[in-house]
PDB file of N, CA and C in Angstrom:
ATOM      1  N   MET A   1     198.740  76.718 -13.056  1.00  0.00           N
ATOM      2  CA  MET A   1     197.811  76.008 -12.195  1.00  0.00           C
ATOM      3  C   MET A   1     198.341  74.623 -11.893  1.00  0.00           C
ATOM      4  N   HIS A   2     197.928  74.129 -10.753  1.00  0.00           N
ATOM      5  CA  HIS A   2     198.330  72.788 -10.356  1.00  0.00           C
ATOM      6  C   HIS A   2     197.442  71.756 -11.035  1.00  0.00           C
ATOM      7  N   LYS A   3     197.944  70.556 -11.137  1.00  0.00           N
ATOM      8  CA  LYS A   3     197.215  69.473 -11.791  1.00  0.00           C
ATOM      9  C   LYS A   3     195.867  69.183 -11.115  1.00  0.00           C
ATOM     10  N   PRO A   4     195.740  69.170  -9.769  1.00  0.00           N
ATOM     11  CA  PRO A   4     194.434  68.910  -9.151  1.00  0.00           C
ATOM     12  C   PRO A   4     193.377  69.952  -9.519  1.00  0.00           C
ATOM     13  N   VAL A   5     193.793  71.182  -9.778  1.00  0.00           N
ATOM     14  CA  VAL A   5     192.837  72.217 -10.163  1.00  0.00           C
ATOM     15  C   VAL A   5     192.241  71.883 -11.527  1.00  0.00           C
ATOM     16  N   TYR A   6     193.046  71.377 -12.441  1.00  0.00           N
ATOM     17  CA  TYR A   6     192.531  70.981 -13.749  1.00  0.00           C
ATOM     18  C   TYR A   6     191.539  69.834 -13.612  1.00  0.00           C
ATOM     19  N   LYS A   7     191.856  68.896 -12.721  1.00  0.00           N
ATOM     20  CA  LYS A   7     190.935  67.786 -12.488  1.00  0.00           C
ATOM     21  C   LYS A   7     189.616  68.284 -11.915  1.00  0.00           C
ATOM     22  N   LEU A   8     189.665  69.248 -11.012  1.00  0.00           N
ATOM     23  CA  LEU A   8     188.471  69.805 -10.406  1.00  0.00           C
ATOM     24  C   LEU A   8     187.617  70.519 -11.449  1.00  0.00           C
ATOM     25  N   ILE A   9     188.250  71.305 -12.295  1.00  0.00           N
ATOM     26  CA  ILE A   9     187.519  72.022 -13.339  1.00  0.00           C
ATOM     27  C   ILE A   9     186.902  71.035 -14.325  1.00  0.00           C
ATOM     28  N   PHE A  10     187.669  70.026 -14.732  1.00  0.00           N
ATOM     29  CA  PHE A  10     187.153  69.010 -15.642  1.00  0.00           C
ATOM     30  C   PHE A  10     185.976  68.262 -15.023  1.00  0.00           C
ATOM     31  N   SER A  11     186.087  67.922 -13.741  1.00  0.00           N
ATOM     32  CA  SER A  11     185.006  67.209 -13.053  1.00  0.00           C
ATOM     33  C   SER A  11     183.751  68.067 -12.975  1.00  0.00           C
ATOM     34  N   ALA A  12     183.905  69.343 -12.698  1.00  0.00           N
ATOM     35  CA  ALA A  12     182.754  70.236 -12.618  1.00  0.00           C
ATOM     36  C   ALA A  12     182.053  70.356 -13.969  1.00  0.00           C
ATOM     37  N   ILE A  13     182.830  70.495 -15.030  1.00  0.00           N
ATOM     38  CA  ILE A  13     182.231  70.585 -16.369  1.00  0.00           C
ATOM     39  C   ILE A  13     181.540  69.282 -16.730  1.00  0.00           C
ATOM     40  N   LEU A  14     182.152  68.162 -16.391  1.00  0.00           N
ATOM     41  CA  LEU A  14     181.549  66.859 -16.665  1.00  0.00           C
ATOM     42  C   LEU A  14     180.239  66.691 -15.906  1.00  0.00           C
ATOM     43  N   LEU A  15     180.210  67.058 -14.636  1.00  0.00           N
ATOM     44  CA  LEU A  15     178.995  66.928 -13.840  1.00  0.00           C
ATOM     45  C   LEU A  15     177.885  67.852 -14.338  1.00  0.00           C
ATOM     46  N   MET A  16     178.244  69.027 -14.835  1.00  0.00           N
ATOM     47  CA  MET A  16     177.220  69.932 -15.366  1.00  0.00           C
ATOM     48  C   MET A  16     176.633  69.418 -16.671  1.00  0.00           C
ATOM     49  N   SER A  17     177.371  68.620 -17.408  1.00  0.00           N
ATOM     50  CA  SER A  17     176.874  68.119 -18.684  1.00  0.00           C
ATOM     51  C   SER A  17     176.076  66.828 -18.533  1.00  0.00           C
ATOM     52  N   LEU A  18     176.161  66.152 -17.407  1.00  0.00           N
ATOM     53  CA  LEU A  18     175.488  64.865 -17.229  1.00  0.00           C
ATOM     54  C   LEU A  18     173.965  64.929 -17.152  1.00  0.00           C
ATOM     55  N   PRO A  19     173.337  65.850 -16.428  1.00  0.00           N
ATOM     56  CA  PRO A  19     171.883  65.789 -16.285  1.00  0.00           C
ATOM     57  C   PRO A  19     171.120  65.776 -17.612  1.00  0.00           C
ATOM     58  N   GLY A  20     171.574  66.484 -18.597  1.00  0.00           N
ATOM     59  CA  GLY A  20     170.907  66.462 -19.898  1.00  0.00           C
ATOM     60  C   GLY A  20     170.984  65.108 -20.560  1.00  0.00           C
ATOM     61  N   ASN A  21     172.118  64.440 -20.414  1.00  0.00           N
ATOM     62  CA  ASN A  21     172.280  63.118 -20.997  1.00  0.00           C
ATOM     63  C   ASN A  21     171.498  62.060 -20.231  1.00  0.00           C
ATOM     64  N   LEU A  22     171.421  62.186 -18.928  1.00  0.00           N
ATOM     65  CA  LEU A  22     170.750  61.175 -18.122  1.00  0.00           C
ATOM     66  C   LEU A  22     169.245  61.192 -18.306  1.00  0.00           C
ATOM     67  N   SER A  23     168.654  62.349 -18.499  1.00  0.00           N
ATOM     68  CA  SER A  23     167.200  62.399 -18.656  1.00  0.00           C
ATOM     69  C   SER A  23     166.753  61.777 -19.965  1.00  0.00           C
ATOM     70  N   ALA A  24     167.620  61.682 -20.940  1.00  0.00           N
ATOM     71  CA  ALA A  24     167.257  61.088 -22.219  1.00  0.00           C
ATOM     72  C   ALA A  24     167.132  59.579 -22.133  1.00  0.00           C
ATOM     73  N   GLN A  25     167.664  58.953 -21.113  1.00  0.00           N
ATOM     74  CA  GLN A  25     167.636  57.500 -21.009  1.00  0.00           C
ATOM     75  C   GLN A  25     166.283  56.969 -20.549  1.00  0.00           C
ATOM     76  N   CYS A  26     165.393  57.792 -20.043  1.00  0.00           N
ATOM     77  CA  CYS A  26     164.128  57.329 -19.489  1.00  0.00           C
ATOM     78  C   CYS A  26     162.942  57.530 -20.437  1.00  0.00           C
ATOM     79  N   ALA A  27     163.160  57.702 -21.693  1.00  0.00           N
ATOM     80  CA  ALA A  27     162.062  57.969 -22.621  1.00  0.00           C
ATOM     81  C   ALA A  27     161.061  56.827 -22.671  1.00  0.00           C
ATOM     82  N   MET A  28     161.526  55.594 -22.687  1.00  0.00           N
ATOM     83  CA  MET A  28     160.612  54.454 -22.754  1.00  0.00           C
ATOM     84  C   MET A  28     159.822  54.304 -21.453  1.00  0.00           C
ATOM     85  N   CYS A  29     160.479  54.468 -20.331  1.00  0.00           N
ATOM     86  CA  CYS A  29     159.765  54.372 -19.048  1.00  0.00           C
ATOM     87  C   CYS A  29     158.681  55.441 -18.963  1.00  0.00           C
ATOM     88  N   ARG A  30     159.012  56.644 -19.352  1.00  0.00           N
ATOM     89  CA  ARG A  30     158.039  57.733 -19.292  1.00  0.00           C
ATOM     90  C   ARG A  30     156.859  57.456 -20.219  1.00  0.00           C
ATOM     91  N   ALA A  31     157.126  56.962 -21.409  1.00  0.00           N
ATOM     92  CA  ALA A  31     156.052  56.674 -22.353  1.00  0.00           C
ATOM     93  C   ALA A  31     155.122  55.588 -21.809  1.00  0.00           C
ATOM     94  N   VAL A  32     155.676  54.550 -21.217  1.00  0.00           N
ATOM     95  CA  VAL A  32     154.852  53.468 -20.661  1.00  0.00           C
ATOM     96  C   VAL A  32     154.009  53.988 -19.506  1.00  0.00           C
ATOM     97  N   LEU A  33     154.591  54.797 -18.649  1.00  0.00           N
ATOM     98  CA  LEU A  33     153.840  55.295 -17.499  1.00  0.00           C
ATOM     99  C   LEU A  33     152.762  56.293 -17.896  1.00  0.00           C
ATOM    100  N   GLU A  34     153.012  57.099 -18.911  1.00  0.00           N
ATOM    101  CA  GLU A  34     152.010  58.075 -19.341  1.00  0.00           C
ATOM    102  C   GLU A  34     150.831  57.412 -20.034  1.00  0.00           C
ATOM    103  N   THR A  35     151.057  56.323 -20.743  1.00  0.00           N
ATOM    104  CA  THR A  35     149.965  55.681 -21.474  1.00  0.00           C
ATOM    105  C   THR A  35     149.173  54.711 -20.613  1.00  0.00           C
ATOM    106  N   SER A  36     149.766  54.145 -19.567  1.00  0.00           N
ATOM    107  CA  SER A  36     149.052  53.131 -18.792  1.00  0.00           C
ATOM    108  C   SER A  36     147.980  53.736 -17.900  1.00  0.00           C
ATOM    109  N   GLY A  37     148.230  54.866 -17.280  1.00  0.00           N
ATOM    110  CA  GLY A  37     147.253  55.495 -16.394  1.00  0.00           C
ATOM    111  C   GLY A  37     147.111  54.775 -15.063  1.00  0.00           C
ATOM    112  N   ASP A  38     147.919  53.775 -14.797  1.00  0.00           N
ATOM    113  CA  ASP A  38     147.853  53.013 -13.550  1.00  0.00           C
ATOM    114  C   ASP A  38     148.861  53.596 -12.563  1.00  0.00           C
ATOM    115  N   ASN A  39     148.344  54.185 -11.485  1.00  0.00           N
ATOM    116  CA  ASN A  39     149.236  54.824 -10.510  1.00  0.00           C
ATOM    117  C   ASN A  39     150.067  53.807  -9.738  1.00  0.00           C
ATOM    118  N   ALA A  40     149.550  52.576  -9.578  1.00  0.00           N
ATOM    119  CA  ALA A  40     150.309  51.566  -8.844  1.00  0.00           C
ATOM    120  C   ALA A  40     151.586  51.193  -9.593  1.00  0.00           C
ATOM    121  N   VAL A  41     151.505  51.125 -10.924  1.00  0.00           N
ATOM    122  CA  VAL A  41     152.694  50.807 -11.722  1.00  0.00           C
ATOM    123  C   VAL A  41     153.714  51.941 -11.614  1.00  0.00           C
ATOM    124  N   ALA A  42     153.251  53.169 -11.701  1.00  0.00           N
ATOM    125  CA  ALA A  42     154.157  54.318 -11.594  1.00  0.00           C
ATOM    126  C   ALA A  42     154.814  54.362 -10.222  1.00  0.00           C
ATOM    127  N   GLU A  43     154.042  54.066  -9.182  1.00  0.00           N
ATOM    128  CA  GLU A  43     154.598  54.064  -7.832  1.00  0.00           C
ATOM    129  C   GLU A  43     155.623  52.944  -7.674  1.00  0.00           C
ATOM    130  N   GLY A  44     155.344  51.787  -8.263  1.00  0.00           N
ATOM    131  CA  GLY A  44     156.289  50.676  -8.207  1.00  0.00           C
ATOM    132  C   GLY A  44     157.593  50.996  -8.903  1.00  0.00           C
ATOM    133  N   ILE A  45     157.510  51.631 -10.057  1.00  0.00           N
ATOM    134  CA  ILE A  45     158.730  52.010 -10.777  1.00  0.00           C
ATOM    135  C   ILE A  45     159.508  53.062  -9.996  1.00  0.00           C
ATOM    136  N   ASN A  46     158.809  54.014  -9.405  1.00  0.00           N
ATOM    137  CA  ASN A  46     159.493  55.031  -8.594  1.00  0.00           C
ATOM    138  C   ASN A  46     160.181  54.404  -7.389  1.00  0.00           C
ATOM    139  N   ASN A  47     159.526  53.448  -6.733  1.00  0.00           N
ATOM    140  CA  ASN A  47     160.162  52.767  -5.594  1.00  0.00           C
ATOM    141  C   ASN A  47     161.371  51.972  -6.051  1.00  0.00           C
ATOM    142  N   GLY A  48     161.284  51.331  -7.203  1.00  0.00           N
ATOM    143  CA  GLY A  48     162.426  50.595  -7.737  1.00  0.00           C
ATOM    144  C   GLY A  48     163.612  51.497  -8.005  1.00  0.00           C
ATOM    145  N   ILE A  49     163.344  52.678  -8.514  1.00  0.00           N
ATOM    146  CA  ILE A  49     164.413  53.638  -8.777  1.00  0.00           C
ATOM    147  C   ILE A  49     165.074  54.061  -7.468  1.00  0.00           C
ATOM    148  N   ILE A  50     164.270  54.290  -6.443  1.00  0.00           N
ATOM    149  CA  ILE A  50     164.810  54.680  -5.137  1.00  0.00           C
ATOM    150  C   ILE A  50     165.700  53.571  -4.574  1.00  0.00           C
ATOM    151  N   TYR A  51     165.243  52.314  -4.662  1.00  0.00           N
ATOM    152  CA  TYR A  51     166.057  51.205  -4.165  1.00  0.00           C
ATOM    153  C   TYR A  51     167.363  51.092  -4.940  1.00  0.00           C
ATOM    154  N   LEU A  52     167.294  51.201  -6.248  1.00  0.00           N
ATOM    155  CA  LEU A  52     168.512  51.094  -7.051  1.00  0.00           C
ATOM    156  C   LEU A  52     169.479  52.233  -6.757  1.00  0.00           C
ATOM    157  N   MET A  53     168.941  53.396  -6.441  1.00  0.00           N
ATOM    158  CA  MET A  53     169.786  54.544  -6.153  1.00  0.00           C
ATOM    159  C   MET A  53     170.392  54.444  -4.749  1.00  0.00           C
ATOM    160  N   ALA A  54     169.642  53.899  -3.787  1.00  0.00           N
ATOM    161  CA  ALA A  54     170.084  53.904  -2.393  1.00  0.00           C
ATOM    162  C   ALA A  54     171.117  52.825  -2.092  1.00  0.00           C
ATOM    163  N   ILE A  55     171.036  51.676  -2.729  1.00  0.00           N
ATOM    164  CA  ILE A  55     171.904  50.555  -2.375  1.00  0.00           C
ATOM    165  C   ILE A  55     173.394  50.878  -2.532  1.00  0.00           C
ATOM    166  N   PRO A  56     173.850  51.511  -3.614  1.00  0.00           N
ATOM    167  CA  PRO A  56     175.289  51.840  -3.678  1.00  0.00           C
ATOM    168  C   PRO A  56     175.748  52.768  -2.555  1.00  0.00           C
ATOM    169  N   TYR A  57     174.889  53.732  -2.162  1.00  0.00           N
ATOM    170  CA  TYR A  57     175.264  54.633  -1.073  1.00  0.00           C
ATOM    171  C   TYR A  57     175.343  53.887   0.253  1.00  0.00           C
ATOM    172  N   ILE A  58     174.428  52.957   0.471  1.00  0.00           N
ATOM    173  CA  ILE A  58     174.472  52.163   1.697  1.00  0.00           C
ATOM    174  C   ILE A  58     175.734  51.307   1.734  1.00  0.00           C
ATOM    175  N   LEU A  59     176.056  50.673   0.615  1.00  0.00           N
ATOM    176  CA  LEU A  59     177.263  49.841   0.566  1.00  0.00           C
ATOM    177  C   LEU A  59     178.528  50.657   0.802  1.00  0.00           C
ATOM    178  N   ILE A  60     178.612  51.825   0.200  1.00  0.00           N
ATOM    179  CA  ILE A  60     179.779  52.687   0.407  1.00  0.00           C
ATOM    180  C   ILE A  60     179.843  53.158   1.854  1.00  0.00           C
ATOM    181  N   GLY A  61     178.687  53.478   2.448  1.00  0.00           N
ATOM    182  CA  GLY A  61     178.652  53.897   3.844  1.00  0.00           C
ATOM    183  C   GLY A  61     179.134  52.800   4.781  1.00  0.00           C
ATOM    184  N   VAL A  62     178.680  51.567   4.536  1.00  0.00           N
ATOM    185  CA  VAL A  62     179.124  50.441   5.366  1.00  0.00           C
ATOM    186  C   VAL A  62     180.626  50.220   5.191  1.00  0.00           C
ATOM    187  N   LEU A  63     181.096  50.289   3.961  1.00  0.00           N
ATOM    188  CA  LEU A  63     182.528  50.119   3.708  1.00  0.00           C
ATOM    189  C   LEU A  63     183.340  51.200   4.421  1.00  0.00           C
ATOM    190  N   LEU A  64     182.909  52.446   4.326  1.00  0.00           N
ATOM    191  CA  LEU A  64     183.623  53.531   5.015  1.00  0.00           C
ATOM    192  C   LEU A  64     183.589  53.358   6.528  1.00  0.00           C
ATOM    193  N   PHE A  65     182.466  52.868   7.051  1.00  0.00           N
ATOM    194  CA  PHE A  65     182.361  52.615   8.484  1.00  0.00           C
ATOM    195  C   PHE A  65     183.428  51.639   8.943  1.00  0.00           C
ATOM    196  N   PHE A  66     183.577  50.531   8.207  1.00  0.00           N
ATOM    197  CA  PHE A  66     184.573  49.532   8.586  1.00  0.00           C
ATOM    198  C   PHE A  66     185.998  50.035   8.380  1.00  0.00           C
ATOM    199  N   VAL A  67     186.217  50.829   7.340  1.00  0.00           N
ATOM    200  CA  VAL A  67     187.562  51.385   7.107  1.00  0.00           C
ATOM    201  C   VAL A  67     187.924  52.348   8.222  1.00  0.00           C
ATOM    202  N   ILE A  68     187.023  53.232   8.593  1.00  0.00           N
ATOM    203  CA  ILE A  68     187.301  54.194   9.653  1.00  0.00           C
ATOM    204  C   ILE A  68     187.492  53.478  10.983  1.00  0.00           C
ATOM    205  N   ARG A  69     186.684  52.465  11.247  1.00  0.00           N
ATOM    206  CA  ARG A  69     186.844  51.688  12.470  1.00  0.00           C
ATOM    207  C   ARG A  69     188.180  50.984  12.523  1.00  0.00           C
ATOM    208  N   LYS A  70     188.620  50.460  11.372  1.00  0.00           N
ATOM    209  CA  LYS A  70     189.913  49.783  11.308  1.00  0.00           C
ATOM    210  C   LYS A  70     191.061  50.773  11.513  1.00  0.00           C
ATOM    211  N   ILE A  71     190.935  51.976  10.951  1.00  0.00           N
ATOM    212  CA  ILE A  71     191.997  52.983  11.087  1.00  0.00           C
ATOM    213  C   ILE A  71     192.112  53.439  12.544  1.00  0.00           C
ATOM    214  N   ARG A  72     190.991  53.606  13.234  1.00  0.00           N
ATOM    215  CA  ARG A  72     191.006  54.086  14.620  1.00  0.00           C
ATOM    216  C   ARG A  72     191.533  53.047  15.600  1.00  0.00           C
ATOM    217  N   SER A  73     191.416  51.774  15.254  1.00  0.00           N
ATOM    218  CA  SER A  73     191.876  50.748  16.220  1.00  0.00           C
ATOM    219  C   SER A  73     193.322  50.339  15.996  1.00  0.00           C
TER     220      SER A  73
END
């Protein structure tokens, strides 16, 4: 096998193992939201998560836009 195939297989195995590890990091947030009973707090935390998740994708998209524009000109 070629070296890139090993990297692809390793990446796939790594990505399949991540979701179990990532869900364990939110235990404190979940406990606070379950005990408070305040939907506004839960909605605020969910919106914060969305913003934190979206900003890196937006930055990468803008960077790729400028790179592609530079390559075409």
